[in-house]
Protein backbone atom coordinates (compact mmCIF):
# COMPACT_ATOMS: atom_id res chain seq x y z
CA MET A 1 -14.72 39.47 -22.54
CA TYR A 2 -15.57 40.80 -25.74
CA ASP A 3 -13.08 42.27 -28.52
CA ALA A 4 -15.36 45.23 -29.09
CA VAL A 5 -18.65 46.88 -27.38
CA VAL A 6 -20.51 48.62 -29.98
CA VAL A 7 -22.84 51.18 -28.61
CA GLY A 8 -25.68 52.11 -31.24
CA ALA A 9 -27.06 49.80 -33.83
CA ARG A 10 -28.00 52.01 -36.96
CA CYS A 11 -25.94 52.87 -40.18
CA ALA A 12 -22.49 53.65 -38.48
CA GLY A 13 -22.94 50.93 -35.32
CA ALA A 14 -24.43 48.12 -37.52
CA ALA A 15 -21.71 48.69 -40.26
CA THR A 16 -18.74 48.76 -37.63
CA ALA A 17 -19.88 45.66 -35.73
CA MET A 18 -20.55 43.72 -39.03
CA LEU A 19 -17.17 44.51 -40.00
CA LEU A 20 -15.15 43.89 -36.98
CA ALA A 21 -16.97 40.53 -36.75
CA GLU A 22 -16.12 39.40 -39.96
CA SER A 23 -12.34 40.34 -39.04
CA GLY A 24 -12.86 37.33 -36.50
CA HIS A 25 -13.67 39.68 -33.48
CA ARG A 26 -16.13 39.03 -30.60
CA VAL A 27 -18.63 41.88 -30.75
CA LEU A 28 -21.70 43.01 -28.57
CA MET A 29 -23.85 45.54 -30.02
CA VAL A 30 -26.59 47.63 -28.37
CA ASP A 31 -29.12 50.37 -28.75
CA GLN A 32 -31.50 51.89 -26.27
CA ALA A 33 -33.99 51.61 -29.21
CA GLY A 34 -36.35 48.68 -30.40
CA PHE A 35 -35.63 46.94 -33.88
CA PRO A 36 -36.92 47.78 -36.39
CA SER A 37 -37.97 51.02 -35.73
CA ASP A 38 -37.83 54.48 -37.65
CA THR A 39 -35.79 57.47 -37.23
CA MET A 40 -35.31 60.99 -38.87
CA SER A 41 -33.25 61.26 -41.83
CA THR A 42 -33.03 62.41 -45.29
CA LEU A 43 -32.48 58.52 -46.15
CA TYR A 44 -30.13 59.70 -49.18
CA ILE A 45 -27.05 57.52 -49.83
CA HIS A 46 -24.66 58.73 -52.00
CA GLN A 47 -22.72 56.38 -54.78
CA PRO A 48 -19.65 55.56 -52.80
CA GLY A 49 -21.90 54.91 -49.50
CA VAL A 50 -24.11 52.17 -52.14
CA ALA A 51 -20.85 50.95 -53.09
CA ARG A 52 -19.89 49.86 -49.78
CA LEU A 53 -23.55 48.07 -49.29
CA ARG A 54 -22.45 46.42 -52.22
CA GLU A 55 -18.80 45.52 -50.69
CA TRP A 56 -20.80 44.30 -47.93
CA ALA A 57 -23.16 42.17 -49.64
CA VAL A 58 -26.25 43.78 -48.47
CA LEU A 59 -27.01 45.78 -51.73
CA GLU A 60 -28.83 42.95 -53.12
CA SER A 61 -31.21 42.91 -49.93
CA LEU A 62 -31.98 46.32 -50.11
CA LEU A 63 -32.75 46.32 -53.74
CA ALA A 64 -34.98 43.61 -53.31
CA SER A 65 -36.86 45.19 -50.60
CA GLY A 66 -37.98 47.70 -53.47
CA CYS A 67 -35.71 50.53 -52.78
CA PRO A 68 -35.95 52.42 -56.21
CA ARG A 69 -32.65 53.23 -58.19
CA LEU A 70 -32.18 57.10 -58.26
CA THR A 71 -30.36 57.69 -61.56
CA VAL A 72 -31.01 61.44 -62.37
CA MET A 73 -30.90 64.66 -60.49
CA SER A 74 -31.68 68.24 -60.95
CA HIS A 75 -30.75 71.33 -59.03
CA THR A 76 -32.65 74.29 -59.64
CA LEU A 77 -30.65 77.67 -58.46
CA ASN A 78 -33.88 80.52 -58.72
CA SER A 79 -34.85 79.84 -62.51
CA VAL A 80 -31.23 78.07 -63.71
CA SER A 81 -31.44 74.46 -63.67
CA VAL A 82 -28.73 71.91 -63.83
CA SER A 83 -29.72 68.33 -64.98
CA GLY A 84 -28.03 65.01 -65.52
CA SER A 85 -27.66 61.33 -65.12
CA LEU A 86 -25.47 60.68 -61.66
CA PRO A 87 -21.93 59.71 -62.52
CA GLY A 88 -20.67 56.17 -61.64
CA TYR A 89 -18.40 55.52 -58.65
CA GLU A 90 -16.79 52.04 -58.62
CA GLY A 91 -19.33 50.67 -61.14
CA ILE A 92 -22.23 52.34 -59.15
CA ASP A 93 -24.18 55.03 -61.05
CA TYR A 94 -27.27 55.44 -58.69
CA ALA A 95 -28.28 56.64 -55.60
CA LEU A 96 -30.70 55.42 -53.21
CA ALA A 97 -32.89 56.70 -50.20
CA PRO A 98 -34.02 53.65 -48.39
CA ARG A 99 -36.62 54.05 -45.48
CA ARG A 100 -34.64 53.67 -42.22
CA VAL A 101 -36.91 51.34 -40.80
CA VAL A 102 -35.99 48.86 -43.84
CA LEU A 103 -32.15 49.81 -43.94
CA ASP A 104 -31.37 49.71 -40.27
CA ARG A 105 -33.22 46.21 -40.12
CA ILE A 106 -31.04 44.95 -43.10
CA LEU A 107 -27.73 46.06 -41.58
CA VAL A 108 -28.64 44.54 -37.96
CA GLU A 109 -29.45 41.45 -39.64
CA ALA A 110 -26.09 41.49 -41.39
CA ALA A 111 -24.22 42.17 -37.88
CA ARG A 112 -25.88 39.29 -36.71
CA ALA A 113 -25.38 36.83 -39.48
CA ALA A 114 -21.74 37.87 -39.32
CA GLY A 115 -21.64 36.78 -35.44
CA VAL A 116 -22.30 39.94 -33.77
CA GLU A 117 -24.43 39.73 -30.43
CA PHE A 118 -27.22 42.08 -30.37
CA ARG A 119 -29.32 43.67 -27.49
CA ALA A 120 -32.23 45.97 -28.20
CA ARG A 121 -33.90 48.30 -25.47
CA THR A 122 -30.54 48.23 -23.85
CA LYS A 123 -29.25 51.45 -22.66
CA LEU A 124 -25.57 52.72 -21.75
CA VAL A 125 -25.36 53.68 -18.16
CA ASP A 126 -21.72 54.02 -17.58
CA VAL A 127 -18.31 53.44 -18.61
CA ILE A 128 -15.63 50.67 -16.72
CA ARG A 129 -12.25 52.02 -15.91
CA ARG A 130 -8.91 50.80 -14.90
CA ASP A 131 -6.11 52.79 -14.76
CA GLY A 132 -7.69 55.79 -16.78
CA ARG A 133 -8.28 53.39 -19.35
CA VAL A 134 -12.07 52.33 -20.34
CA THR A 135 -12.30 48.35 -20.29
CA GLY A 136 -16.03 47.82 -20.36
CA VAL A 137 -19.54 49.37 -20.09
CA LEU A 138 -22.35 49.17 -17.42
CA LEU A 139 -25.66 48.06 -19.33
CA ARG A 140 -29.27 48.49 -18.51
CA GLY A 141 -31.86 46.00 -20.17
CA SER A 142 -35.53 46.83 -20.90
CA ASP A 143 -36.62 44.84 -17.70
CA GLY A 144 -34.37 47.20 -15.64
CA LYS A 145 -31.71 44.96 -14.85
CA GLU A 146 -28.02 45.92 -15.02
CA ALA A 147 -25.35 44.08 -16.67
CA ARG A 148 -21.43 44.89 -16.48
CA GLU A 149 -19.53 43.83 -19.95
CA SER A 150 -16.15 44.18 -20.73
CA GLY A 151 -14.40 44.86 -24.11
CA ARG A 152 -10.90 45.60 -25.46
CA VAL A 153 -12.63 48.81 -27.21
CA VAL A 154 -15.81 50.66 -26.70
CA VAL A 155 -17.34 51.93 -29.93
CA GLY A 156 -19.83 55.06 -29.63
CA ALA A 157 -22.12 54.96 -32.60
CA ASP A 158 -24.92 56.58 -30.70
CA GLY A 159 -25.57 59.88 -32.49
CA MET A 160 -25.04 63.57 -32.24
CA ARG A 161 -26.01 63.84 -28.41
CA SER A 162 -23.52 60.56 -27.92
CA THR A 163 -23.78 59.42 -23.97
CA LEU A 164 -20.43 57.60 -24.47
CA ALA A 165 -18.78 60.76 -25.63
CA GLY A 166 -20.10 62.72 -22.59
CA LEU A 167 -19.27 59.46 -20.38
CA CYS A 168 -15.63 59.70 -21.66
CA GLY A 169 -15.20 63.32 -21.79
CA ALA A 170 -14.60 63.76 -25.22
CA PRO A 171 -13.55 67.18 -26.16
CA THR A 172 -15.04 69.10 -29.10
CA THR A 173 -12.23 69.93 -31.62
CA ILE A 174 -14.14 71.82 -34.21
CA GLN A 175 -17.35 73.62 -33.49
CA ASP A 176 -19.54 75.98 -35.66
CA GLY A 177 -22.60 77.63 -35.06
CA ARG A 178 -25.97 76.04 -36.43
CA ARG A 179 -26.86 77.02 -39.68
CA SER A 180 -30.12 75.54 -41.04
CA CYS A 181 -33.71 74.15 -39.82
CA VAL A 182 -35.32 71.20 -41.46
CA TYR A 183 -38.81 69.97 -42.11
CA TYR A 184 -39.47 66.42 -43.38
CA SER A 185 -42.68 64.93 -44.97
CA GLY A 186 -43.82 61.74 -47.38
CA TRP A 187 -46.13 61.83 -49.71
CA ARG A 188 -47.59 59.17 -52.28
CA ILE A 189 -46.24 60.97 -55.21
CA SER A 190 -44.87 59.22 -58.21
CA GLY A 191 -41.17 60.36 -58.82
CA GLU A 192 -38.06 58.69 -60.43
CA HIS A 193 -35.76 61.21 -59.96
CA VAL A 194 -33.90 63.69 -57.17
CA ARG A 195 -35.31 67.17 -57.53
CA LEU A 196 -33.63 70.02 -55.72
CA VAL A 197 -35.12 73.71 -55.84
CA GLU A 198 -33.32 76.57 -54.09
CA SER A 199 -33.56 80.33 -53.74
CA GLN A 200 -32.60 82.77 -51.05
CA SER A 201 -32.62 81.35 -47.68
CA ALA A 202 -35.02 78.44 -48.73
CA TYR A 203 -34.03 74.92 -50.00
CA LEU A 204 -36.24 71.92 -50.96
CA ALA A 205 -35.52 68.38 -51.94
CA VAL A 206 -37.86 65.75 -52.97
CA ILE A 207 -36.24 62.37 -52.86
CA PRO A 208 -38.02 59.07 -54.15
CA THR A 209 -37.96 56.37 -51.49
CA HIS A 210 -39.94 53.19 -51.04
CA ASP A 211 -43.38 52.02 -51.88
CA ASN A 212 -43.85 55.08 -54.29
CA VAL A 213 -43.37 57.52 -51.59
CA SER A 214 -41.06 60.52 -51.73
CA LEU A 215 -39.62 62.20 -48.63
CA VAL A 216 -40.16 66.27 -49.24
CA SER A 217 -37.40 68.35 -47.22
CA THR A 218 -37.51 71.83 -46.52
CA PHE A 219 -34.62 73.74 -45.10
CA ALA A 220 -34.13 77.66 -44.29
CA PRO A 221 -31.70 79.62 -41.89
CA GLN A 222 -31.77 78.57 -38.30
CA SER A 223 -33.30 81.82 -37.29
CA ALA A 224 -36.65 80.70 -38.96
CA PHE A 225 -37.02 77.96 -36.81
CA GLY A 226 -38.87 80.02 -33.91
CA THR A 227 -41.61 80.58 -36.56
CA ALA A 228 -41.70 77.62 -38.01
CA ARG A 229 -42.21 75.47 -34.81
CA THR A 230 -45.36 77.61 -34.12
CA ASP A 231 -47.15 76.04 -37.18
CA PRO A 232 -44.84 73.19 -38.49
CA LEU A 233 -47.32 71.82 -41.16
CA GLY A 234 -48.41 75.37 -42.30
CA TRP A 235 -44.74 76.27 -42.59
CA HIS A 236 -43.68 73.62 -44.50
CA LEU A 237 -46.19 73.60 -47.13
CA ASN A 238 -45.87 77.34 -47.49
CA MET A 239 -42.10 76.67 -48.49
CA ILE A 240 -42.87 73.90 -51.15
CA GLY A 241 -45.68 76.30 -52.43
CA THR A 242 -43.01 79.15 -52.53
CA LEU A 243 -40.26 77.02 -54.08
CA ALA A 244 -42.03 74.52 -56.02
CA PRO A 245 -45.59 75.40 -57.07
CA ASP A 246 -46.28 72.58 -59.33
CA LEU A 247 -45.37 70.41 -56.39
CA ARG A 248 -47.51 71.96 -53.78
CA GLU A 249 -50.59 71.63 -56.07
CA GLN A 250 -49.69 67.55 -56.68
CA LEU A 251 -49.64 67.31 -52.87
CA ARG A 252 -53.12 68.87 -52.78
CA HIS A 253 -54.42 65.30 -54.08
CA ALA A 254 -51.62 63.25 -52.52
CA GLU A 255 -51.67 61.09 -49.80
CA PRO A 256 -49.82 61.79 -46.63
CA ALA A 257 -47.35 59.03 -46.12
CA LEU A 258 -45.22 59.59 -43.55
CA ARG A 259 -45.81 61.81 -40.51
CA LEU A 260 -44.08 65.36 -40.29
CA THR A 261 -40.93 65.66 -38.50
CA GLY A 262 -38.32 68.28 -38.08
CA THR A 263 -35.59 70.01 -36.02
CA GLY A 264 -33.60 73.22 -35.23
CA ASP A 265 -30.83 71.43 -33.78
CA GLN A 266 -28.50 70.63 -36.36
CA ARG A 267 -25.02 70.87 -34.84
CA ASN A 268 -21.67 71.20 -36.33
CA PHE A 269 -18.80 69.72 -34.81
CA PHE A 270 -16.07 67.15 -34.45
CA ARG A 271 -15.13 65.58 -31.39
CA GLN A 272 -11.94 63.89 -30.61
CA ALA A 273 -12.39 60.39 -32.24
CA SER A 274 -10.65 58.38 -29.37
CA GLY A 275 -9.22 57.80 -26.27
CA PRO A 276 -7.53 55.02 -24.12
CA GLY A 277 -10.24 52.11 -24.94
CA TRP A 278 -13.02 54.17 -26.62
CA VAL A 279 -13.75 55.52 -29.95
CA LEU A 280 -16.32 57.30 -31.74
CA VAL A 281 -17.89 56.71 -35.12
CA GLY A 282 -20.62 58.34 -37.16
CA ASP A 283 -22.49 61.41 -35.89
CA ALA A 284 -21.11 60.43 -32.28
CA GLY A 285 -17.67 61.94 -33.46
CA HIS A 286 -18.44 63.87 -36.41
CA HIS A 287 -21.80 66.02 -37.20
CA LYS A 288 -22.83 68.71 -39.75
CA ASP A 289 -25.88 70.12 -41.05
CA SER A 290 -27.98 67.61 -43.09
CA ILE A 291 -28.43 69.75 -46.14
CA THR A 292 -25.62 67.83 -47.82
CA ALA A 293 -27.09 64.58 -47.37
CA ARG A 294 -23.75 63.24 -46.00
CA GLY A 295 -24.91 61.56 -42.86
CA ILE A 296 -25.05 57.73 -44.09
CA THR A 297 -22.21 57.86 -46.88
CA ASP A 298 -20.03 59.42 -43.95
CA ALA A 299 -21.38 56.68 -41.42
CA PHE A 300 -20.33 53.91 -44.02
CA LEU A 301 -16.86 55.18 -44.54
CA GLN A 302 -16.16 56.03 -41.11
CA ALA A 303 -17.37 52.17 -40.19
CA GLU A 304 -15.05 50.93 -43.09
CA LEU A 305 -12.11 52.98 -41.89
CA LEU A 306 -12.43 51.77 -38.16
CA GLY A 307 -13.05 48.41 -39.20
CA GLN A 308 -9.68 48.29 -41.07
CA ALA A 309 -7.90 49.72 -38.23
CA LEU A 310 -9.01 47.37 -35.95
CA ALA A 311 -8.77 43.92 -37.83
CA GLY A 312 -6.67 41.73 -36.10
CA ARG A 313 -5.44 44.32 -33.54
CA CYS A 314 -7.88 43.62 -30.48
CA GLY A 315 -5.95 41.37 -28.88
CA ALA A 316 -3.88 43.87 -26.67
CA ASP A 317 -4.18 47.62 -25.55
CA ARG A 318 -1.19 48.83 -27.62
CA LEU A 319 -2.46 47.67 -30.83
CA VAL A 320 -5.89 49.06 -30.11
CA ASP A 321 -4.22 52.38 -29.13
CA ALA A 322 -2.48 52.38 -32.58
CA ALA A 323 -5.14 51.35 -34.68
CA LEU A 324 -7.55 54.07 -32.93
CA THR A 325 -4.86 56.83 -33.33
CA GLU A 326 -4.72 55.62 -37.02
CA PHE A 327 -8.53 55.59 -37.34
CA ALA A 328 -8.73 59.18 -35.84
CA ARG A 329 -5.88 60.80 -38.37
CA LEU A 330 -7.97 59.41 -41.26
CA ARG A 331 -11.38 60.27 -40.20
CA ASP A 332 -10.48 63.74 -39.87
CA GLY A 333 -8.22 64.06 -43.22
CA LEU A 334 -11.86 62.32 -45.16
CA LEU A 335 -14.03 64.62 -43.55
CA LEU A 336 -12.84 68.04 -43.08
CA GLU A 337 -13.50 69.27 -46.66
CA SER A 338 -17.14 68.01 -46.86
CA TYR A 339 -17.66 69.49 -43.66
CA THR A 340 -16.39 73.04 -44.70
CA SER A 341 -18.31 73.24 -47.67
CA THR A 342 -21.76 71.83 -45.98
CA LEU A 343 -21.58 74.88 -43.85
CA ALA A 344 -21.13 77.11 -46.83
CA ALA A 345 -24.13 75.09 -48.43
CA ALA A 346 -26.18 75.45 -45.39
CA ASP A 347 -25.55 79.69 -45.23
CA LEU A 348 -28.35 79.19 -48.09
CA GLN A 349 -27.15 82.19 -49.86
CA ILE A 350 -27.27 82.76 -53.35
CA THR A 351 -24.72 85.39 -54.85
CA GLU A 352 -23.95 86.53 -58.28
CA GLY A 353 -20.95 84.38 -58.69
CA ARG A 354 -22.83 81.35 -57.61
CA LEU A 355 -25.48 81.81 -60.20
CA ALA A 356 -22.77 82.36 -62.84
CA MET A 357 -21.40 79.22 -62.14
CA HIS A 358 -24.70 77.57 -62.28
CA ARG A 359 -25.43 78.89 -65.43
CA ALA A 360 -22.16 77.70 -67.21
CA VAL A 361 -22.20 74.47 -65.25
CA ALA A 362 -26.00 73.93 -66.94
CA ALA A 363 -24.75 74.89 -70.40
CA SER A 364 -21.91 71.82 -70.11
CA LEU A 365 -22.51 68.07 -70.06
CA ASP A 366 -18.98 67.76 -68.80
CA LEU A 367 -19.40 70.43 -65.97
CA THR A 368 -22.47 68.73 -65.25
CA ARG A 369 -20.95 65.38 -64.81
CA THR A 370 -18.34 67.23 -62.66
CA TYR A 371 -20.62 69.23 -60.63
CA LEU A 372 -22.69 65.85 -59.92
CA GLY A 373 -19.46 64.29 -58.98
CA VAL A 374 -18.75 66.86 -56.35
CA PHE A 375 -22.26 66.49 -54.99
CA ALA A 376 -21.52 62.74 -54.38
CA GLY A 377 -18.16 63.46 -52.56
CA MET A 378 -16.29 61.57 -55.72
CA ARG A 379 -14.59 64.83 -57.02
CA SER A 380 -13.07 67.92 -55.37
CA ALA A 381 -15.02 71.04 -55.43
CA GLU A 382 -11.63 72.73 -56.80
CA GLU A 383 -12.11 70.89 -60.03
CA LEU A 384 -15.19 73.31 -60.83
CA VAL A 385 -12.90 75.99 -60.11
CA HIS A 386 -10.27 75.31 -62.44
CA SER A 387 -12.70 74.42 -65.15
CA ARG A 388 -14.08 77.07 -67.83
CA LEU A 389 -15.88 79.03 -65.38
CA PRO A 390 -16.22 83.05 -64.92
CA ALA A 391 -12.90 84.32 -63.48
CA ALA A 392 -15.19 85.51 -60.37
CA GLU A 393 -15.74 82.30 -59.11
CA THR A 394 -13.61 81.02 -56.27
CA ALA A 395 -13.20 77.60 -54.40
CA GLY A 396 -15.96 78.78 -51.72
CA ALA A 397 -18.70 79.41 -54.35
CA ALA A 398 -18.06 76.30 -55.85
CA ALA A 399 -18.11 74.08 -52.72
CA LYS A 400 -21.61 75.92 -51.95
CA ALA A 401 -22.99 75.42 -55.33
CA ALA A 402 -21.77 71.87 -55.62
CA HIS A 403 -22.86 70.43 -52.06
CA GLY A 404 -26.49 72.35 -52.04
CA THR A 405 -28.19 69.32 -51.19
CA PRO A 406 -29.85 67.04 -48.65
CA ARG A 407 -28.64 64.88 -45.82
């Protein structure tokens, strides 16, 4: 019997499995994908997420892979630009945007080094129950053979469309409509800082990643997806040309490095975090629009919370239940504010009040530091509201302006 069976081996799953194993627990981790493999992502890891990688002793491996440190960010709203060095968090004054095929491999390797048993190309078929409690899983390997595995707790880290959540009947506790659609491309262009450009109902992000490649993301309201999907590349390039003509000209002479991907299915919800014998972590339990680039960092923070809650408490059902209840409370408290501000950012609306605040931030080094700290989830948007800003500004406007950034 395993102390924990973790379904999903990407950011949330691998980090959770690693932390549980390091606490002395026997852990099985499975994923239906082969590894290493790529997945659609905006790649960005905020400073608090990078600090976790350092704490887990995997940061050096990631930096050694050639992932560039991102120390400067600019955010242009119409013609008003805020630009500055990223503020430090626990000694980390840079963000990272690794290719997922690299990041996920490093995390899986770290989990296995901690003692996690890993099975790739293994699909969750069903959960095993006893007296209303989840006590294990039914798995199917790549050879078609099925296996039953028992676990004191089953962790769902299997993404927005979580199979485990469906099998356990996890109810949705908060749900909002889709806000934006997005397309991503990658190009071999030089770049050392994160560039964000926004106009009414349109948003662009340029983020350097491995191998002198920059990820270029374009966002528009969800209502635009029907048109965008008829000619994705043409729509994407037209958006780039509208928001950043200089970049569009640069791309005419650049080599494409990543295939175009995109989605109009960016759901916004919280699911019930746990139940008897099961728990959801990462996108499986909570998902929001990718425009704020919170996915990977939030996955790390949730993995840390769950690892701390379960450490040394997998020996009895009552201890597991207490740990999962604690995790659920902390998760919701940690993520609700950024969820609300993400929805505001994903509306892609530029008001006169928002522009006034952006001008005030652009004119002040102190406010720029605060602004970039809010962007990284290190400071509250309320701090901008109570700074030297025009009286017309509101908390909602501050949150929207400070969080208008990629996933």
